[in-house]
């Protein structure tokens, strides 16, 4: 049972570092600073661990080749703003309170944490997000997200369109649209995709103006 917990813990330590985009030396420097700032006795400060800029220490922790000392566990929890229960593999969410949000809204821990950070550091963005999720704007906002998602697959769609039987666009005549396979280029799809995004964005801007927004 302990072995299972140890394996889960090392996986989570690595996942946390990558979630924040830290290299091993950068994370070590943050952990070291947090620990040393709270140690009064100079002899207890961390110096011996500082090999290869701390890369060796973090690598050992992430590979299960070193026990996670209490002071490192606490530093991980405080520096990365997660619970000790998550680090030790006792709960699945980064924080206990995330569980209810996840179950009700379906948001994963990364999304919840990002919203939490925005709420702390960028109230303006949260205010805009609240407006975008209002009843009048939510359908348009979701449509915009879909368009942005589609735009990320422009190159893939262009390649697929080269195969017979695949039609992503239809030519237009005076009577309207009629189906006819078209050999599409990546640029064609990109222009159409950006035009769609632009039009939806304009609609959102107009709705915001109607409600007194900027």
Protein backbone atom coordinates (compact mmCIF):
# COMPACT_ATOMS: atom_id res chain seq x y z
CA UNK A 1 0.00 0.00 0.00
CA UNK A 2 2.83 2.41 0.87
CA UNK A 3 4.51 1.56 -2.42
CA UNK A 4 1.38 2.55 -4.34
CA UNK A 5 1.25 5.88 -2.50
CA UNK A 6 4.95 6.52 -3.19
CA UNK A 7 4.48 5.84 -6.90
CA UNK A 8 1.46 8.16 -7.05
CA UNK A 9 3.32 10.86 -5.14
CA UNK A 10 6.28 10.99 -7.52
CA UNK A 11 3.89 11.14 -10.50
CA UNK A 12 2.09 14.08 -8.90
CA UNK A 13 5.29 15.96 -8.10
CA UNK A 14 6.35 15.79 -11.74
CA UNK A 15 2.86 16.69 -12.94
CA UNK A 16 2.76 19.75 -10.69
CA UNK A 17 6.11 21.04 -11.92
CA UNK A 18 5.07 20.68 -15.55
CA UNK A 19 1.66 22.24 -14.87
CA UNK A 20 3.40 25.44 -13.77
CA UNK A 21 5.99 25.22 -16.56
CA UNK A 22 8.96 25.14 -14.17
CA UNK A 23 12.28 23.51 -14.99
CA UNK A 24 13.79 21.41 -12.21
CA UNK A 25 16.36 24.08 -11.23
CA UNK A 26 13.72 26.85 -11.19
CA UNK A 27 11.38 24.83 -8.99
CA UNK A 28 14.23 23.92 -6.66
CA UNK A 29 15.22 27.57 -6.26
CA UNK A 30 11.64 28.47 -5.30
CA UNK A 31 11.39 25.60 -2.82
CA UNK A 32 14.81 26.41 -1.38
CA UNK A 33 13.94 30.08 -0.89
CA UNK A 34 10.64 29.23 0.82
CA UNK A 35 12.37 26.80 3.20
CA UNK A 36 15.39 28.96 3.98
CA UNK A 37 13.24 32.04 4.61
CA UNK A 38 11.60 30.12 7.43
CA UNK A 39 14.70 28.58 8.99
CA UNK A 40 16.23 30.63 11.81
CA UNK A 41 19.33 28.53 12.41
CA UNK A 42 21.90 29.13 9.64
CA UNK A 43 23.19 25.57 10.03
CA UNK A 44 19.80 24.20 9.05
CA UNK A 45 19.59 26.09 5.77
CA UNK A 46 19.73 24.04 2.58
CA UNK A 47 23.13 24.17 0.96
CA UNK A 48 24.21 20.56 0.44
CA UNK A 49 21.20 19.83 -1.76
CA UNK A 50 22.14 22.54 -4.21
CA UNK A 51 23.85 20.32 -6.80
CA UNK A 52 23.38 21.09 -10.50
CA UNK A 53 21.19 24.02 -9.52
CA UNK A 54 18.91 21.64 -7.61
CA UNK A 55 18.16 19.55 -10.71
CA UNK A 56 19.48 16.41 -9.03
CA UNK A 57 17.25 16.87 -5.96
CA UNK A 58 14.04 17.44 -7.92
CA UNK A 59 14.88 14.58 -10.28
CA UNK A 60 15.34 12.21 -7.32
CA UNK A 61 12.03 13.26 -5.81
CA UNK A 62 10.19 12.86 -9.14
CA UNK A 63 11.69 9.42 -9.73
CA UNK A 64 11.08 8.12 -6.22
CA UNK A 65 14.79 7.82 -5.46
CA UNK A 66 14.52 10.11 -2.45
CA UNK A 67 12.03 10.39 0.38
CA UNK A 68 9.94 13.53 0.38
CA UNK A 69 11.02 15.23 3.61
CA UNK A 70 8.35 17.15 5.50
CA UNK A 71 9.94 20.54 4.77
CA UNK A 72 9.99 19.80 1.04
CA UNK A 73 6.37 18.61 1.09
CA UNK A 74 5.26 21.80 2.86
CA UNK A 75 7.29 23.92 0.43
CA UNK A 76 5.66 22.17 -2.55
CA UNK A 77 2.20 22.81 -1.06
CA UNK A 78 2.85 26.49 -0.33
CA UNK A 79 4.86 27.44 -3.43
CA UNK A 80 2.49 25.68 -5.84
CA UNK A 81 -0.64 26.43 -3.79
CA UNK A 82 -1.93 22.86 -3.54
CA UNK A 83 -2.93 20.73 -0.56
CA UNK A 84 -0.63 18.30 1.22
CA UNK A 85 -3.38 15.69 0.84
CA UNK A 86 -2.99 15.94 -2.93
CA UNK A 87 0.80 15.66 -2.78
CA UNK A 88 0.59 12.56 -0.59
CA UNK A 89 -2.01 10.96 -2.86
CA UNK A 90 -4.92 11.10 -0.40
CA UNK A 91 -7.25 13.09 -2.68
CA UNK A 92 -7.56 13.40 -6.45
CA UNK A 93 -8.04 17.17 -6.70
CA UNK A 94 -5.35 19.80 -6.15
CA UNK A 95 -7.43 21.14 -3.26
CA UNK A 96 -10.39 19.58 -1.40
CA UNK A 97 -12.68 22.46 -2.40
CA UNK A 98 -12.02 21.78 -6.10
CA UNK A 99 -13.93 18.50 -5.90
CA UNK A 100 -17.36 20.15 -5.62
CA UNK A 101 -16.62 22.56 -8.48
CA UNK A 102 -15.40 19.68 -10.63
CA UNK A 103 -18.52 17.61 -9.97
CA UNK A 104 -20.94 20.50 -10.56
CA UNK A 105 -19.31 22.23 -13.53
CA UNK A 106 -17.07 19.58 -15.03
CA UNK A 107 -14.02 21.88 -14.90
CA UNK A 108 -10.70 20.15 -14.34
CA UNK A 109 -8.17 21.24 -11.72
CA UNK A 110 -6.10 23.25 -14.23
CA UNK A 111 -9.13 25.29 -15.30
CA UNK A 112 -10.28 25.88 -11.72
CA UNK A 113 -6.80 26.95 -10.63
CA UNK A 114 -6.49 29.36 -13.56
CA UNK A 115 -9.84 30.95 -12.70
CA UNK A 116 -8.78 31.16 -9.06
CA UNK A 117 -5.55 32.93 -10.05
CA UNK A 118 -7.43 35.33 -12.31
CA UNK A 119 -9.83 36.14 -9.49
CA UNK A 120 -6.88 37.04 -7.28
CA UNK A 121 -4.75 38.93 -9.77
CA UNK A 122 -6.99 40.17 -12.59
CA UNK A 123 -10.48 41.19 -11.50
CA UNK A 124 -11.10 42.84 -14.87
CA UNK A 125 -10.74 39.55 -16.72
CA UNK A 126 -13.13 37.82 -14.34
CA UNK A 127 -15.66 40.62 -14.84
CA UNK A 128 -15.42 40.19 -18.61
CA UNK A 129 -15.77 36.41 -18.26
CA UNK A 130 -18.90 36.87 -16.13
CA UNK A 131 -20.40 39.05 -18.88
CA UNK A 132 -19.49 36.53 -21.58
CA UNK A 133 -21.20 33.77 -19.61
CA UNK A 134 -24.38 35.80 -19.11
CA UNK A 135 -27.57 34.38 -20.73
CA UNK A 136 -27.44 36.82 -23.64
CA UNK A 137 -23.79 36.25 -24.52
CA UNK A 138 -23.11 32.65 -23.50
CA UNK A 139 -24.31 31.11 -26.83
CA UNK A 140 -22.10 33.51 -28.82
CA UNK A 141 -19.15 32.93 -26.51
CA UNK A 142 -19.46 29.16 -26.91
CA UNK A 143 -19.74 29.64 -30.67
CA UNK A 144 -16.52 31.68 -30.57
CA UNK A 145 -14.72 28.96 -28.61
CA UNK A 146 -15.87 26.40 -31.17
CA UNK A 147 -14.57 28.61 -33.99
CA UNK A 148 -11.20 29.02 -32.26
CA UNK A 149 -11.03 25.25 -31.76
CA UNK A 150 -11.81 24.68 -35.42
CA UNK A 151 -9.12 27.20 -36.40
CA UNK A 152 -6.50 25.11 -34.58
CA UNK A 153 -7.26 22.24 -36.99
CA UNK A 154 -6.99 24.23 -40.21
CA UNK A 155 -3.92 22.39 -41.50
CA UNK A 156 -5.41 18.97 -40.72
CA UNK A 157 -8.67 19.80 -42.50
CA UNK A 158 -6.79 21.05 -45.55
CA UNK A 159 -4.88 17.78 -45.82
CA UNK A 160 -8.02 15.66 -45.40
CA UNK A 161 -9.82 17.69 -48.08
CA UNK A 162 -7.40 16.36 -50.67
CA UNK A 163 -9.02 12.90 -50.41
CA UNK A 164 -12.00 12.15 -52.72
CA UNK A 165 -15.42 12.39 -51.13
CA UNK A 166 -14.49 14.99 -48.52
CA UNK A 167 -16.20 18.36 -48.91
CA UNK A 168 -15.68 21.14 -46.38
CA UNK A 169 -16.87 24.06 -48.52
CA UNK A 170 -19.37 24.39 -51.34
CA UNK A 171 -19.34 26.79 -54.27
CA UNK A 172 -22.06 29.41 -54.43
CA UNK A 173 -24.20 30.56 -57.34
CA UNK A 174 -27.09 33.03 -57.63
CA UNK A 175 -29.58 30.42 -56.46
CA UNK A 176 -27.69 29.64 -53.30
CA UNK A 177 -25.35 26.87 -52.29
CA UNK A 178 -24.90 23.59 -54.10
CA UNK A 179 -22.64 20.74 -53.24
CA UNK A 180 -19.47 20.35 -55.22
CA UNK A 181 -16.17 18.95 -53.92
CA UNK A 182 -13.45 21.60 -53.81
CA UNK A 183 -9.73 21.06 -53.45
CA UNK A 184 -8.93 23.26 -50.49
CA UNK A 185 -5.65 24.84 -49.56
CA UNK A 186 -4.56 25.56 -46.02
CA UNK A 187 -4.70 29.32 -46.67
CA UNK A 188 -8.28 29.10 -47.95
CA UNK A 189 -9.42 27.40 -44.78
CA UNK A 190 -7.40 29.78 -42.63
CA UNK A 191 -9.04 32.85 -44.20
CA UNK A 192 -12.51 31.34 -43.82
CA UNK A 193 -11.77 30.37 -40.23
CA UNK A 194 -10.45 33.82 -39.30
CA UNK A 195 -13.45 35.47 -40.99
CA UNK A 196 -15.81 33.34 -38.89
CA UNK A 197 -13.94 34.24 -35.70
CA UNK A 198 -14.01 37.92 -36.67
CA UNK A 199 -17.77 37.92 -37.32
CA UNK A 200 -18.59 36.18 -34.03
CA UNK A 201 -16.30 38.58 -32.17
CA UNK A 202 -18.13 41.54 -33.74
CA UNK A 203 -21.47 40.10 -32.63
CA UNK A 204 -20.16 39.70 -29.09
CA UNK A 205 -18.82 43.28 -29.10
CA UNK A 206 -22.18 44.60 -30.29
CA UNK A 207 -24.02 42.71 -27.56
CA UNK A 208 -21.63 44.07 -24.95
CA UNK A 209 -22.22 47.63 -26.18
CA UNK A 210 -25.98 47.13 -25.95
CA UNK A 211 -25.53 46.27 -22.28
CA UNK A 212 -23.33 49.28 -21.58
CA UNK A 213 -20.00 47.45 -21.94
CA UNK A 214 -16.90 48.58 -23.75
